[in-house]
Amino acid sequence: MLICKKSEKAVIAFYDNQKRILLQDRRGISKEGEIWGFFGGGIEKGETPEQALERGIEEGLCIQILHNGSYNDEPKSFEAMEKFCTEQGMERKKRTHREIYLTDACKVTAAKLKTVLRFEAKK
């Protein structure tokens, strides 16, 4: 069973010395229908918004892939990521990973799910 709830987000704005703001193009990934937005992500349990942003910034060198389809098929995507990592002379830094859900599992079929999978790497 899948229960969908609203989640809290932490966002950050990047701007240059001319006060121009960098925005993320959210077409095709937005859950709320916006076209442009700030960078950010979910706040994990026990984490402050500031800690969530620091975590996102500190991840550093990462390997990521857009996984299309059921969550049950994610191991195939991780295999491709591991292979790419090795081919590039890198190795996986930790066994943990991050997932960014671009589609709402309550609103689309498993075949139409889109998830960004990411893990930290090192040379």
PDB file of N, CA and C in Angstrom:
ATOM      1  N   MET A   1       0.839  -1.170   0.000  1.00  0.00           N
ATOM      2  CA  MET A   1       0.000   0.000   0.000  1.00  0.00           C
ATOM      3  C   MET A   1       0.886   1.236   0.000  1.00  0.00           C
ATOM      4  N   LEU A   2       0.489   2.223  -0.749  1.00  0.00           N
ATOM      5  CA  LEU A   2       1.241   3.472  -0.843  1.00  0.00           C
ATOM      6  C   LEU A   2       0.393   4.594  -0.290  1.00  0.00           C
ATOM      7  N   ILE A   3       0.934   5.347   0.649  1.00  0.00           N
ATOM      8  CA  ILE A   3       0.231   6.483   1.226  1.00  0.00           C
ATOM      9  C   ILE A   3       0.963   7.740   0.787  1.00  0.00           C
ATOM     10  N   CYS A   4       0.266   8.653   0.171  1.00  0.00           N
ATOM     11  CA  CYS A   4       0.875   9.892  -0.299  1.00  0.00           C
ATOM     12  C   CYS A   4       0.525  11.031   0.647  1.00  0.00           C
ATOM     13  N   LYS A   5       1.533  11.771   1.051  1.00  0.00           N
ATOM     14  CA  LYS A   5       1.346  12.922   1.935  1.00  0.00           C
ATOM     15  C   LYS A   5       2.128  14.094   1.377  1.00  0.00           C
ATOM     16  N   LYS A   6       1.735  15.277   1.767  1.00  0.00           N
ATOM     17  CA  LYS A   6       2.532  16.459   1.421  1.00  0.00           C
ATOM     18  C   LYS A   6       3.808  16.407   2.238  1.00  0.00           C
ATOM     19  N   SER A   7       4.893  16.875   1.662  1.00  0.00           N
ATOM     20  CA  SER A   7       6.165  16.875   2.381  1.00  0.00           C
ATOM     21  C   SER A   7       6.731  18.287   2.434  1.00  0.00           C
ATOM     22  N   GLU A   8       7.569  18.530   3.425  1.00  0.00           N
ATOM     23  CA  GLU A   8       8.236  19.820   3.546  1.00  0.00           C
ATOM     24  C   GLU A   8       9.457  19.843   2.647  1.00  0.00           C
ATOM     25  N   LYS A   9       9.756  21.001   2.108  1.00  0.00           N
ATOM     26  CA  LYS A   9      10.897  21.177   1.209  1.00  0.00           C
ATOM     27  C   LYS A   9      11.783  22.303   1.703  1.00  0.00           C
ATOM     28  N   ALA A  10      13.047  22.206   1.373  1.00  0.00           N
ATOM     29  CA  ALA A  10      14.000  23.290   1.613  1.00  0.00           C
ATOM     30  C   ALA A  10      14.501  23.738   0.249  1.00  0.00           C
ATOM     31  N   VAL A  11      14.537  25.034   0.023  1.00  0.00           N
ATOM     32  CA  VAL A  11      14.999  25.552  -1.269  1.00  0.00           C
ATOM     33  C   VAL A  11      16.085  26.592  -1.055  1.00  0.00           C
ATOM     34  N   ILE A  12      16.874  26.788  -2.108  1.00  0.00           N
ATOM     35  CA  ILE A  12      17.946  27.780  -2.052  1.00  0.00           C
ATOM     36  C   ILE A  12      17.919  28.581  -3.351  1.00  0.00           C
ATOM     37  N   ALA A  13      18.233  29.851  -3.256  1.00  0.00           N
ATOM     38  CA  ALA A  13      18.305  30.715  -4.438  1.00  0.00           C
ATOM     39  C   ALA A  13      19.768  31.063  -4.694  1.00  0.00           C
ATOM     40  N   PHE A  14      20.190  30.896  -5.942  1.00  0.00           N
ATOM     41  CA  PHE A  14      21.537  31.271  -6.356  1.00  0.00           C
ATOM     42  C   PHE A  14      21.436  32.542  -7.189  1.00  0.00           C
ATOM     43  N   TYR A  15      22.305  33.510  -6.924  1.00  0.00           N
ATOM     44  CA  TYR A  15      22.303  34.727  -7.718  1.00  0.00           C
ATOM     45  C   TYR A  15      23.739  35.215  -7.877  1.00  0.00           C
ATOM     46  N   ASP A  16      23.948  36.012  -8.924  1.00  0.00           N
ATOM     47  CA  ASP A  16      25.290  36.519  -9.195  1.00  0.00           C
ATOM     48  C   ASP A  16      25.425  37.966  -8.721  1.00  0.00           C
ATOM     49  N   ASN A  17      26.582  38.582  -9.009  1.00  0.00           N
ATOM     50  CA  ASN A  17      26.823  39.944  -8.515  1.00  0.00           C
ATOM     51  C   ASN A  17      25.943  40.995  -9.199  1.00  0.00           C
ATOM     52  N   GLN A  18      25.252  40.609 -10.266  1.00  0.00           N
ATOM     53  CA  GLN A  18      24.304  41.516 -10.920  1.00  0.00           C
ATOM     54  C   GLN A  18      22.872  41.238 -10.447  1.00  0.00           C
ATOM     55  N   LYS A  19      22.770  40.408  -9.408  1.00  0.00           N
ATOM     56  CA  LYS A  19      21.483  40.051  -8.798  1.00  0.00           C
ATOM     57  C   LYS A  19      20.564  39.277  -9.742  1.00  0.00           C
ATOM     58  N   ARG A  20      21.154  38.567 -10.718  1.00  0.00           N
ATOM     59  CA  ARG A  20      20.368  37.679 -11.575  1.00  0.00           C
ATOM     60  C   ARG A  20      20.208  36.359 -10.836  1.00  0.00           C
ATOM     61  N   ILE A  21      18.997  35.832 -10.816  1.00  0.00           N
ATOM     62  CA  ILE A  21      18.695  34.606 -10.075  1.00  0.00           C
ATOM     63  C   ILE A  21      18.721  33.410 -11.019  1.00  0.00           C
ATOM     64  N   LEU A  22      19.361  32.329 -10.585  1.00  0.00           N
ATOM     65  CA  LEU A  22      19.387  31.074 -11.337  1.00  0.00           C
ATOM     66  C   LEU A  22      18.174  30.253 -10.917  1.00  0.00           C
ATOM     67  N   LEU A  23      17.347  29.886 -11.898  1.00  0.00           N
ATOM     68  CA  LEU A  23      16.167  29.076 -11.632  1.00  0.00           C
ATOM     69  C   LEU A  23      16.287  27.733 -12.329  1.00  0.00           C
ATOM     70  N   GLN A  24      15.579  26.760 -11.805  1.00  0.00           N
ATOM     71  CA  GLN A  24      15.555  25.423 -12.382  1.00  0.00           C
ATOM     72  C   GLN A  24      14.361  25.329 -13.335  1.00  0.00           C
ATOM     73  N   ASP A  25      14.599  24.803 -14.537  1.00  0.00           N
ATOM     74  CA  ASP A  25      13.522  24.553 -15.496  1.00  0.00           C
ATOM     75  C   ASP A  25      12.781  23.316 -15.008  1.00  0.00           C
ATOM     76  N   ARG A  26      11.537  23.471 -14.598  1.00  0.00           N
ATOM     77  CA  ARG A  26      10.780  22.381 -13.978  1.00  0.00           C
ATOM     78  C   ARG A  26       9.766  21.744 -14.931  1.00  0.00           C
ATOM     79  N   ARG A  27       9.797  22.148 -16.214  1.00  0.00           N
ATOM     80  CA  ARG A  27       8.875  21.527 -17.173  1.00  0.00           C
ATOM     81  C   ARG A  27       9.177  20.036 -17.265  1.00  0.00           C
ATOM     82  N   GLY A  28       8.153  19.239 -17.140  1.00  0.00           N
ATOM     83  CA  GLY A  28       8.309  17.790 -17.237  1.00  0.00           C
ATOM     84  C   GLY A  28       8.647  17.118 -15.922  1.00  0.00           C
ATOM     85  N   ILE A  29       9.004  17.875 -14.890  1.00  0.00           N
ATOM     86  CA  ILE A  29       9.326  17.260 -13.598  1.00  0.00           C
ATOM     87  C   ILE A  29       8.482  17.814 -12.459  1.00  0.00           C
ATOM     88  N   SER A  30       7.755  18.878 -12.725  1.00  0.00           N
ATOM     89  CA  SER A  30       6.988  19.545 -11.670  1.00  0.00           C
ATOM     90  C   SER A  30       5.788  18.718 -11.231  1.00  0.00           C
ATOM     91  N   LYS A  31       5.587  18.656  -9.917  1.00  0.00           N
ATOM     92  CA  LYS A  31       4.402  18.003  -9.369  1.00  0.00           C
ATOM     93  C   LYS A  31       3.265  19.003  -9.193  1.00  0.00           C
ATOM     94  N   GLU A  32       3.596  20.275  -9.089  1.00  0.00           N
ATOM     95  CA  GLU A  32       2.586  21.306  -8.851  1.00  0.00           C
ATOM     96  C   GLU A  32       2.236  22.116 -10.095  1.00  0.00           C
ATOM     97  N   GLY A  33       2.916  21.871 -11.203  1.00  0.00           N
ATOM     98  CA  GLY A  33       2.598  22.554 -12.445  1.00  0.00           C
ATOM     99  C   GLY A  33       3.418  23.796 -12.738  1.00  0.00           C
ATOM    100  N   GLU A  34       4.373  24.141 -11.884  1.00  0.00           N
ATOM    101  CA  GLU A  34       5.174  25.334 -12.149  1.00  0.00           C
ATOM    102  C   GLU A  34       6.175  25.059 -13.276  1.00  0.00           C
ATOM    103  N   ILE A  35       6.550  26.117 -13.973  1.00  0.00           N
ATOM    104  CA  ILE A  35       7.504  25.996 -15.072  1.00  0.00           C
ATOM    105  C   ILE A  35       8.929  26.253 -14.568  1.00  0.00           C
ATOM    106  N   TRP A  36       9.090  27.205 -13.661  1.00  0.00           N
ATOM    107  CA  TRP A  36      10.397  27.555 -13.111  1.00  0.00           C
ATOM    108  C   TRP A  36      10.338  27.452 -11.593  1.00  0.00           C
ATOM    109  N   GLY A  37      11.471  27.118 -10.976  1.00  0.00           N
ATOM    110  CA  GLY A  37      11.497  27.021  -9.519  1.00  0.00           C
ATOM    111  C   GLY A  37      12.907  27.113  -8.981  1.00  0.00           C
ATOM    112  N   PHE A  38      13.002  27.158  -7.672  1.00  0.00           N
ATOM    113  CA  PHE A  38      14.295  27.171  -6.997  1.00  0.00           C
ATOM    114  C   PHE A  38      14.811  25.748  -6.831  1.00  0.00           C
ATOM    115  N   PHE A  39      16.105  25.619  -6.585  1.00  0.00           N
ATOM    116  CA  PHE A  39      16.711  24.327  -6.324  1.00  0.00           C
ATOM    117  C   PHE A  39      16.418  23.932  -4.884  1.00  0.00           C
ATOM    118  N   GLY A  40      16.298  22.661  -4.632  1.00  0.00           N
ATOM    119  CA  GLY A  40      16.046  22.207  -3.269  1.00  0.00           C
ATOM    120  C   GLY A  40      15.575  20.772  -3.262  1.00  0.00           C
ATOM    121  N   GLY A  41      15.104  20.354  -2.108  1.00  0.00           N
ATOM    122  CA  GLY A  41      14.640  18.986  -1.983  1.00  0.00           C
ATOM    123  C   GLY A  41      13.964  18.747  -0.661  1.00  0.00           C
ATOM    124  N   GLY A  42      13.661  17.495  -0.431  1.00  0.00           N
ATOM    125  CA  GLY A  42      12.941  17.117   0.772  1.00  0.00           C
ATOM    126  C   GLY A  42      13.779  17.230   2.029  1.00  0.00           C
ATOM    127  N   ILE A  43      13.083  17.425   3.122  1.00  0.00           N
ATOM    128  CA  ILE A  43      13.714  17.485   4.434  1.00  0.00           C
ATOM    129  C   ILE A  43      13.505  16.125   5.093  1.00  0.00           C
ATOM    130  N   GLU A  44      14.594  15.476   5.466  1.00  0.00           N
ATOM    131  CA  GLU A  44      14.498  14.165   6.090  1.00  0.00           C
ATOM    132  C   GLU A  44      14.098  14.284   7.560  1.00  0.00           C
ATOM    133  N   LYS A  45      13.587  13.193   8.106  1.00  0.00           N
ATOM    134  CA  LYS A  45      13.139  13.168   9.495  1.00  0.00           C
ATOM    135  C   LYS A  45      14.265  13.615  10.431  1.00  0.00           C
ATOM    136  N   GLY A  46      13.950  14.555  11.318  1.00  0.00           N
ATOM    137  CA  GLY A  46      14.925  15.051  12.278  1.00  0.00           C
ATOM    138  C   GLY A  46      15.893  16.080  11.728  1.00  0.00           C
ATOM    139  N   GLU A  47      15.686  16.503  10.498  1.00  0.00           N
ATOM    140  CA  GLU A  47      16.598  17.429   9.829  1.00  0.00           C
ATOM    141  C   GLU A  47      15.960  18.816   9.751  1.00  0.00           C
ATOM    142  N   THR A  48      16.766  19.843   9.937  1.00  0.00           N
ATOM    143  CA  THR A  48      16.273  21.210   9.765  1.00  0.00           C
ATOM    144  C   THR A  48      16.368  21.569   8.278  1.00  0.00           C
ATOM    145  N   PRO A  49      15.645  22.601   7.828  1.00  0.00           N
ATOM    146  CA  PRO A  49      15.785  23.031   6.427  1.00  0.00           C
ATOM    147  C   PRO A  49      17.229  23.370   6.066  1.00  0.00           C
ATOM    148  N   GLU A  50      17.952  23.991   6.990  1.00  0.00           N
ATOM    149  CA  GLU A  50      19.356  24.343   6.740  1.00  0.00           C
ATOM    150  C   GLU A  50      20.205  23.085   6.544  1.00  0.00           C
ATOM    151  N   GLN A  51      19.970  22.072   7.366  1.00  0.00           N
ATOM    152  CA  GLN A  51      20.729  20.827   7.239  1.00  0.00           C
ATOM    153  C   GLN A  51      20.416  20.125   5.919  1.00  0.00           C
ATOM    154  N   ALA A  52      19.153  20.181   5.485  1.00  0.00           N
ATOM    155  CA  ALA A  52      18.780  19.572   4.205  1.00  0.00           C
ATOM    156  C   ALA A  52      19.531  20.228   3.049  1.00  0.00           C
ATOM    157  N   LEU A  53      19.637  21.555   3.075  1.00  0.00           N
ATOM    158  CA  LEU A  53      20.370  22.260   2.020  1.00  0.00           C
ATOM    159  C   LEU A  53      21.855  21.940   2.074  1.00  0.00           C
ATOM    160  N   GLU A  54      22.432  21.906   3.280  1.00  0.00           N
ATOM    161  CA  GLU A  54      23.853  21.566   3.421  1.00  0.00           C
ATOM    162  C   GLU A  54      24.120  20.163   2.889  1.00  0.00           C
ATOM    163  N   ARG A  55      23.232  19.227   3.189  1.00  0.00           N
ATOM    164  CA  ARG A  55      23.384  17.850   2.711  1.00  0.00           C
ATOM    165  C   ARG A  55      23.413  17.827   1.189  1.00  0.00           C
ATOM    166  N   GLY A  56      22.517  18.571   0.575  1.00  0.00           N
ATOM    167  CA  GLY A  56      22.466  18.610  -0.885  1.00  0.00           C
ATOM    168  C   GLY A  56      23.716  19.192  -1.500  1.00  0.00           C
ATOM    169  N   ILE A  57      24.254  20.218  -0.887  1.00  0.00           N
ATOM    170  CA  ILE A  57      25.462  20.862  -1.399  1.00  0.00           C
ATOM    171  C   ILE A  57      26.693  19.989  -1.169  1.00  0.00           C
ATOM    172  N   GLU A  58      26.768  19.301  -0.040  1.00  0.00           N
ATOM    173  CA  GLU A  58      27.951  18.528   0.328  1.00  0.00           C
ATOM    174  C   GLU A  58      28.069  17.194  -0.393  1.00  0.00           C
ATOM    175  N   GLU A  59      27.030  16.764  -1.122  1.00  0.00           N
ATOM    176  CA  GLU A  59      27.105  15.466  -1.778  1.00  0.00           C
ATOM    177  C   GLU A  59      28.251  15.398  -2.777  1.00  0.00           C
ATOM    178  N   GLY A  60      28.627  16.500  -3.385  1.00  0.00           N
ATOM    179  CA  GLY A  60      29.789  16.532  -4.261  1.00  0.00           C
ATOM    180  C   GLY A  60      29.649  15.674  -5.502  1.00  0.00           C
ATOM    181  N   LEU A  61      30.748  14.986  -5.880  1.00  0.00           N
ATOM    182  CA  LEU A  61      30.786  14.157  -7.079  1.00  0.00           C
ATOM    183  C   LEU A  61      29.791  13.010  -6.950  1.00  0.00           C
ATOM    184  N   CYS A  62      28.870  12.932  -7.909  1.00  0.00           N
ATOM    185  CA  CYS A  62      27.823  11.912  -7.868  1.00  0.00           C
ATOM    186  C   CYS A  62      27.629  11.289  -9.243  1.00  0.00           C
ATOM    187  N   ILE A  63      27.118  10.091  -9.228  1.00  0.00           N
ATOM    188  CA  ILE A  63      26.657   9.423 -10.435  1.00  0.00           C
ATOM    189  C   ILE A  63      25.143   9.382 -10.305  1.00  0.00           C
ATOM    190  N   GLN A  64      24.439   9.780 -11.355  1.00  0.00           N
ATOM    191  CA  GLN A  64      22.983   9.725 -11.275  1.00  0.00           C
ATOM    192  C   GLN A  64      22.399   9.289 -12.609  1.00  0.00           C
ATOM    193  N   ILE A  65      21.173   8.802 -12.538  1.00  0.00           N
ATOM    194  CA  ILE A  65      20.469   8.311 -13.722  1.00  0.00           C
ATOM    195  C   ILE A  65      18.994   8.600 -13.545  1.00  0.00           C
ATOM    196  N   LEU A  66      18.300   8.804 -14.660  1.00  0.00           N
ATOM    197  CA  LEU A  66      16.851   8.921 -14.627  1.00  0.00           C
ATOM    198  C   LEU A  66      16.287   7.522 -14.830  1.00  0.00           C
ATOM    199  N   HIS A  67      15.689   6.989 -13.781  1.00  0.00           N
ATOM    200  CA  HIS A  67      15.080   5.652 -13.844  1.00  0.00           C
ATOM    201  C   HIS A  67      13.622   5.805 -14.251  1.00  0.00           C
ATOM    202  N   ASN A  68      13.240   5.121 -15.302  1.00  0.00           N
ATOM    203  CA  ASN A  68      11.853   5.124 -15.766  1.00  0.00           C
ATOM    204  C   ASN A  68      11.229   3.776 -15.447  1.00  0.00           C
ATOM    205  N   GLY A  69      10.102   3.787 -14.754  1.00  0.00           N
ATOM    206  CA  GLY A  69       9.397   2.542 -14.473  1.00  0.00           C
ATOM    207  C   GLY A  69       9.291   2.235 -12.996  1.00  0.00           C
ATOM    208  N   SER A  70       8.916   1.005 -12.729  1.00  0.00           N
ATOM    209  CA  SER A  70       8.645   0.541 -11.372  1.00  0.00           C
ATOM    210  C   SER A  70       9.870   0.645 -10.468  1.00  0.00           C
ATOM    211  N   TYR A  71       9.593   0.933  -9.195  1.00  0.00           N
ATOM    212  CA  TYR A  71      10.669   0.958  -8.203  1.00  0.00           C
ATOM    213  C   TYR A  71      11.345  -0.414  -8.112  1.00  0.00           C
ATOM    214  N   ASN A  72      10.593  -1.479  -8.398  1.00  0.00           N
ATOM    215  CA  ASN A  72      11.145  -2.838  -8.336  1.00  0.00           C
ATOM    216  C   ASN A  72      12.240  -3.071  -9.370  1.00  0.00           C
ATOM    217  N   ASP A  73      12.274  -2.254 -10.412  1.00  0.00           N
ATOM    218  CA  ASP A  73      13.279  -2.413 -11.464  1.00  0.00           C
ATOM    219  C   ASP A  73      14.515  -1.541 -11.255  1.00  0.00           C
ATOM    220  N   GLU A  74      14.579  -0.815 -10.149  1.00  0.00           N
ATOM    221  CA  GLU A  74      15.719   0.072  -9.897  1.00  0.00           C
ATOM    222  C   GLU A  74      17.068  -0.649  -9.857  1.00  0.00           C
ATOM    223  N   PRO A  75      17.152  -1.914  -9.397  1.00  0.00           N
ATOM    224  CA  PRO A  75      18.468  -2.576  -9.401  1.00  0.00           C
ATOM    225  C   PRO A  75      19.156  -2.582 -10.764  1.00  0.00           C
ATOM    226  N   LYS A  76      18.399  -2.669 -11.853  1.00  0.00           N
ATOM    227  CA  LYS A  76      18.995  -2.629 -13.200  1.00  0.00           C
ATOM    228  C   LYS A  76      19.651  -1.277 -13.458  1.00  0.00           C
ATOM    229  N   SER A  77      18.998  -0.210 -13.004  1.00  0.00           N
ATOM    230  CA  SER A  77      19.576   1.121 -13.180  1.00  0.00           C
ATOM    231  C   SER A  77      20.833   1.279 -12.338  1.00  0.00           C
ATOM    232  N   PHE A  78      20.818   0.749 -11.116  1.00  0.00           N
ATOM    233  CA  PHE A  78      22.017   0.819 -10.275  1.00  0.00           C
ATOM    234  C   PHE A  78      23.171   0.027 -10.889  1.00  0.00           C
ATOM    235  N   GLU A  79      22.879  -1.098 -11.530  1.00  0.00           N
ATOM    236  CA  GLU A  79      23.924  -1.869 -12.218  1.00  0.00           C
ATOM    237  C   GLU A  79      24.559  -1.022 -13.321  1.00  0.00           C
ATOM    238  N   ALA A  80      23.737  -0.312 -14.087  1.00  0.00           N
ATOM    239  CA  ALA A  80      24.257   0.552 -15.161  1.00  0.00           C
ATOM    240  C   ALA A  80      25.098   1.681 -14.575  1.00  0.00           C
ATOM    241  N   MET A  81      24.680   2.232 -13.448  1.00  0.00           N
ATOM    242  CA  MET A  81      25.427   3.312 -12.800  1.00  0.00           C
ATOM    243  C   MET A  81      26.782   2.812 -12.302  1.00  0.00           C
ATOM    244  N   GLU A  82      26.786   1.626 -11.681  1.00  0.00           N
ATOM    245  CA  GLU A  82      28.037   1.038 -11.185  1.00  0.00           C
ATOM    246  C   GLU A  82      29.004   0.790 -12.347  1.00  0.00           C
ATOM    247  N   LYS A  83      28.483   0.281 -13.462  1.00  0.00           N
ATOM    248  CA  LYS A  83      29.311   0.020 -14.638  1.00  0.00           C
ATOM    249  C   LYS A  83      29.914   1.320 -15.163  1.00  0.00           C
ATOM    250  N   PHE A  84      29.090   2.360 -15.288  1.00  0.00           N
ATOM    251  CA  PHE A  84      29.573   3.664 -15.751  1.00  0.00           C
ATOM    252  C   PHE A  84      30.652   4.192 -14.816  1.00  0.00           C
ATOM    253  N   CYS A  85      30.423   4.081 -13.540  1.00  0.00           N
ATOM    254  CA  CYS A  85      31.367   4.562 -12.527  1.00  0.00           C
ATOM    255  C   CYS A  85      32.732   3.887 -12.726  1.00  0.00           C
ATOM    256  N   THR A  86      32.732   2.583 -12.879  1.00  0.00           N
ATOM    257  CA  THR A  86      33.974   1.820 -13.084  1.00  0.00           C
ATOM    258  C   THR A  86      34.658   2.229 -14.387  1.00  0.00           C
ATOM    259  N   GLU A  87      33.876   2.371 -15.457  1.00  0.00           N
ATOM    260  CA  GLU A  87      34.430   2.763 -16.754  1.00  0.00           C
ATOM    261  C   GLU A  87      35.091   4.139 -16.704  1.00  0.00           C
ATOM    262  N   GLN A  88      34.632   4.996 -15.821  1.00  0.00           N
ATOM    263  CA  GLN A  88      35.182   6.348 -15.686  1.00  0.00           C
ATOM    264  C   GLN A  88      36.324   6.414 -14.673  1.00  0.00           C
ATOM    265  N   GLY A  89      36.748   5.262 -14.164  1.00  0.00           N
ATOM    266  CA  GLY A  89      37.853   5.228 -13.210  1.00  0.00           C
ATOM    267  C   GLY A  89      37.468   5.720 -11.826  1.00  0.00           C
ATOM    268  N   MET A  90      36.191   5.603 -11.506  1.00  0.00           N
ATOM    269  CA  MET A  90      35.714   6.028 -10.193  1.00  0.00           C
ATOM    270  C   MET A  90      35.180   4.820  -9.430  1.00  0.00           C
ATOM    271  N   GLU A  91      34.883   5.061  -8.180  1.00  0.00           N
ATOM    272  CA  GLU A  91      34.241   4.019  -7.386  1.00  0.00           C
ATOM    273  C   GLU A  91      33.163   4.647  -6.519  1.00  0.00           C
ATOM    274  N   ARG A  92      32.234   3.813  -6.148  1.00  0.00           N
ATOM    275  CA  ARG A  92      31.143   4.276  -5.300  1.00  0.00           C
ATOM    276  C   ARG A  92      31.691   4.577  -3.916  1.00  0.00           C
ATOM    277  N   LYS A  93      31.334   5.731  -3.371  1.00  0.00           N
ATOM    278  CA  LYS A  93      31.871   6.176  -2.084  1.00  0.00           C
ATOM    279  C   LYS A  93      31.177   5.492  -0.904  1.00  0.00           C
ATOM    280  N   LYS A  94      29.857   5.315  -0.993  1.00  0.00           N
ATOM    281  CA  LYS A  94      29.064   4.713   0.078  1.00  0.00           C
ATOM    282  C   LYS A  94      28.031   3.775  -0.527  1.00  0.00           C
ATOM    283  N   ARG A  95      27.451   2.929   0.272  1.00  0.00           N
ATOM    284  CA  ARG A  95      26.396   2.040  -0.209  1.00  0.00           C
ATOM    285  C   ARG A  95      25.026   2.716  -0.165  1.00  0.00           C
ATOM    286  N   THR A  96      24.934   3.890   0.421  1.00  0.00           N
ATOM    287  CA  THR A  96      23.659   4.602   0.463  1.00  0.00           C
ATOM    288  C   THR A  96      23.446   5.355  -0.846  1.00  0.00           C
ATOM    289  N   HIS A  97      22.205   5.737  -1.088  1.00  0.00           N
ATOM    290  CA  HIS A  97      21.887   6.496  -2.293  1.00  0.00           C
ATOM    291  C   HIS A  97      20.726   7.437  -2.004  1.00  0.00           C
ATOM    292  N   ARG A  98      20.481   8.337  -2.947  1.00  0.00           N
ATOM    293  CA  ARG A  98      19.372   9.284  -2.867  1.00  0.00           C
ATOM    294  C   ARG A  98      18.407   8.995  -4.007  1.00  0.00           C
ATOM    295  N   GLU A  99      17.141   9.270  -3.752  1.00  0.00           N
ATOM    296  CA  GLU A  99      16.118   9.138  -4.777  1.00  0.00           C
ATOM    297  C   GLU A  99      15.323  10.432  -4.827  1.00  0.00           C
ATOM    298  N   ILE A 100      15.099  10.928  -6.036  1.00  0.00           N
ATOM    299  CA  ILE A 100      14.289  12.121  -6.244  1.00  0.00           C
ATOM    300  C   ILE A 100      13.117  11.694  -7.108  1.00  0.00           C
ATOM    301  N   TYR A 101      11.925  11.786  -6.548  1.00  0.00           N
ATOM    302  CA  TYR A 101      10.726  11.335  -7.243  1.00  0.00           C
ATOM    303  C   TYR A 101      10.166  12.463  -8.098  1.00  0.00           C
ATOM    304  N   LEU A 102      10.180  12.274  -9.407  1.00  0.00           N
ATOM    305  CA  LEU A 102       9.717  13.293 -10.333  1.00  0.00           C
ATOM    306  C   LEU A 102       8.238  13.138 -10.658  1.00  0.00           C
ATOM    307  N   THR A 103       7.693  11.979 -10.395  1.00  0.00           N
ATOM    308  CA  THR A 103       6.271  11.743 -10.611  1.00  0.00           C
ATOM    309  C   THR A 103       5.642  11.306  -9.298  1.00  0.00           C
ATOM    310  N   ASP A 104       4.362  11.471  -9.201  1.00  0.00           N
ATOM    311  CA  ASP A 104       3.610  11.109  -8.004  1.00  0.00           C
ATOM    312  C   ASP A 104       3.076   9.691  -8.172  1.00  0.00           C
ATOM    313  N   ALA A 105       3.533   8.773  -7.335  1.00  0.00           N
ATOM    314  CA  ALA A 105       3.134   7.369  -7.421  1.00  0.00           C
ATOM    315  C   ALA A 105       1.637   7.173  -7.196  1.00  0.00           C
ATOM    316  N   CYS A 106       0.979   8.169  -6.637  1.00  0.00           N
ATOM    317  CA  CYS A 106      -0.475   8.094  -6.443  1.00  0.00           C
ATOM    318  C   CYS A 106      -1.234   8.486  -7.707  1.00  0.00           C
ATOM    319  N   LYS A 107      -0.523   9.087  -8.667  1.00  0.00           N
ATOM    320  CA  LYS A 107      -1.220   9.625  -9.840  1.00  0.00           C
ATOM    321  C   LYS A 107      -0.854   8.938 -11.156  1.00  0.00           C
ATOM    322  N   VAL A 108       0.209   8.145 -11.182  1.00  0.00           N
ATOM    323  CA  VAL A 108       0.608   7.479 -12.426  1.00  0.00           C
ATOM    324  C   VAL A 108       0.814   5.988 -12.174  1.00  0.00           C
ATOM    325  N   THR A 109       0.764   5.214 -13.256  1.00  0.00           N
ATOM    326  CA  THR A 109       1.024   3.782 -13.132  1.00  0.00           C
ATOM    327  C   THR A 109       2.510   3.554 -12.882  1.00  0.00           C
ATOM    328  N   ALA A 110       2.859   2.381 -12.388  1.00  0.00           N
ATOM    329  CA  ALA A 110       4.265   2.055 -12.103  1.00  0.00           C
ATOM    330  C   ALA A 110       5.132   2.209 -13.347  1.00  0.00           C
ATOM    331  N   ALA A 111       4.592   1.880 -14.500  1.00  0.00           N
ATOM    332  CA  ALA A 111       5.364   1.979 -15.748  1.00  0.00           C
ATOM    333  C   ALA A 111       5.726   3.420 -16.099  1.00  0.00           C
ATOM    334  N   LYS A 112       4.989   4.398 -15.570  1.00  0.00           N
ATOM    335  CA  LYS A 112       5.233   5.803 -15.894  1.00  0.00           C
ATOM    336  C   LYS A 112       5.981   6.551 -14.793  1.00  0.00           C
ATOM    337  N   LEU A 113       6.421   5.850 -13.766  1.00  0.00           N
ATOM    338  CA  LEU A 113       7.179   6.503 -12.703  1.00  0.00           C
ATOM    339  C   LEU A 113       8.529   6.978 -13.228  1.00  0.00           C
ATOM    340  N   LYS A 114       8.966   8.138 -12.738  1.00  0.00           N
ATOM    341  CA  LYS A 114      10.294   8.678 -13.083  1.00  0.00           C
ATOM    342  C   LYS A 114      10.985   9.038 -11.777  1.00  0.00           C
ATOM    343  N   THR A 115      12.182   8.477 -11.591  1.00  0.00           N
ATOM    344  CA  THR A 115      12.933   8.689 -10.359  1.00  0.00           C
ATOM    345  C   THR A 115      14.391   8.961 -10.704  1.00  0.00           C
ATOM    346  N   VAL A 116      14.960  10.013 -10.144  1.00  0.00           N
ATOM    347  CA  VAL A 116      16.394  10.248 -10.280  1.00  0.00           C
ATOM    348  C   VAL A 116      17.069   9.441  -9.168  1.00  0.00           C
ATOM    349  N   LEU A 117      17.991   8.569  -9.549  1.00  0.00           N
ATOM    350  CA  LEU A 117      18.777   7.777  -8.603  1.00  0.00           C
ATOM    351  C   LEU A 117      20.187   8.364  -8.568  1.00  0.00           C
ATOM    352  N   ARG A 118      20.727   8.531  -7.388  1.00  0.00           N
ATOM    353  CA  ARG A 118      22.041   9.170  -7.253  1.00  0.00           C
ATOM    354  C   ARG A 118      22.839   8.523  -6.116  1.00  0.00           C
ATOM    355  N   PHE A 119      24.133   8.314  -6.380  1.00  0.00           N
ATOM    356  CA  PHE A 119      25.027   7.922  -5.292  1.00  0.00           C
ATOM    357  C   PHE A 119      26.334   8.692  -5.405  1.00  0.00           C
ATOM    358  N   GLU A 120      26.995   8.854  -4.272  1.00  0.00           N
ATOM    359  CA  GLU A 120      28.264   9.579  -4.243  1.00  0.00           C
ATOM    360  C   GLU A 120      29.368   8.708  -4.825  1.00  0.00           C
ATOM    361  N   ALA A 121      30.316   9.362  -5.511  1.00  0.00           N
ATOM    362  CA  ALA A 121      31.447   8.659  -6.117  1.00  0.00           C
ATOM    363  C   ALA A 121      32.748   9.354  -5.748  1.00  0.00           C
ATOM    364  N   LYS A 122      33.852   8.637  -5.947  1.00  0.00           N
ATOM    365  CA  LYS A 122      35.179   9.225  -5.740  1.00  0.00           C
ATOM    366  C   LYS A 122      36.109   8.672  -6.791  1.00  0.00           C
ATOM    367  N   LYS A 123      37.149   9.464  -7.090  1.00  0.00           N
ATOM    368  CA  LYS A 123      38.156   9.045  -8.096  1.00  0.00           C
ATOM    369  C   LYS A 123      39.211   8.196  -7.443  1.00  0.00           C
TER     370      LYS A 123
END
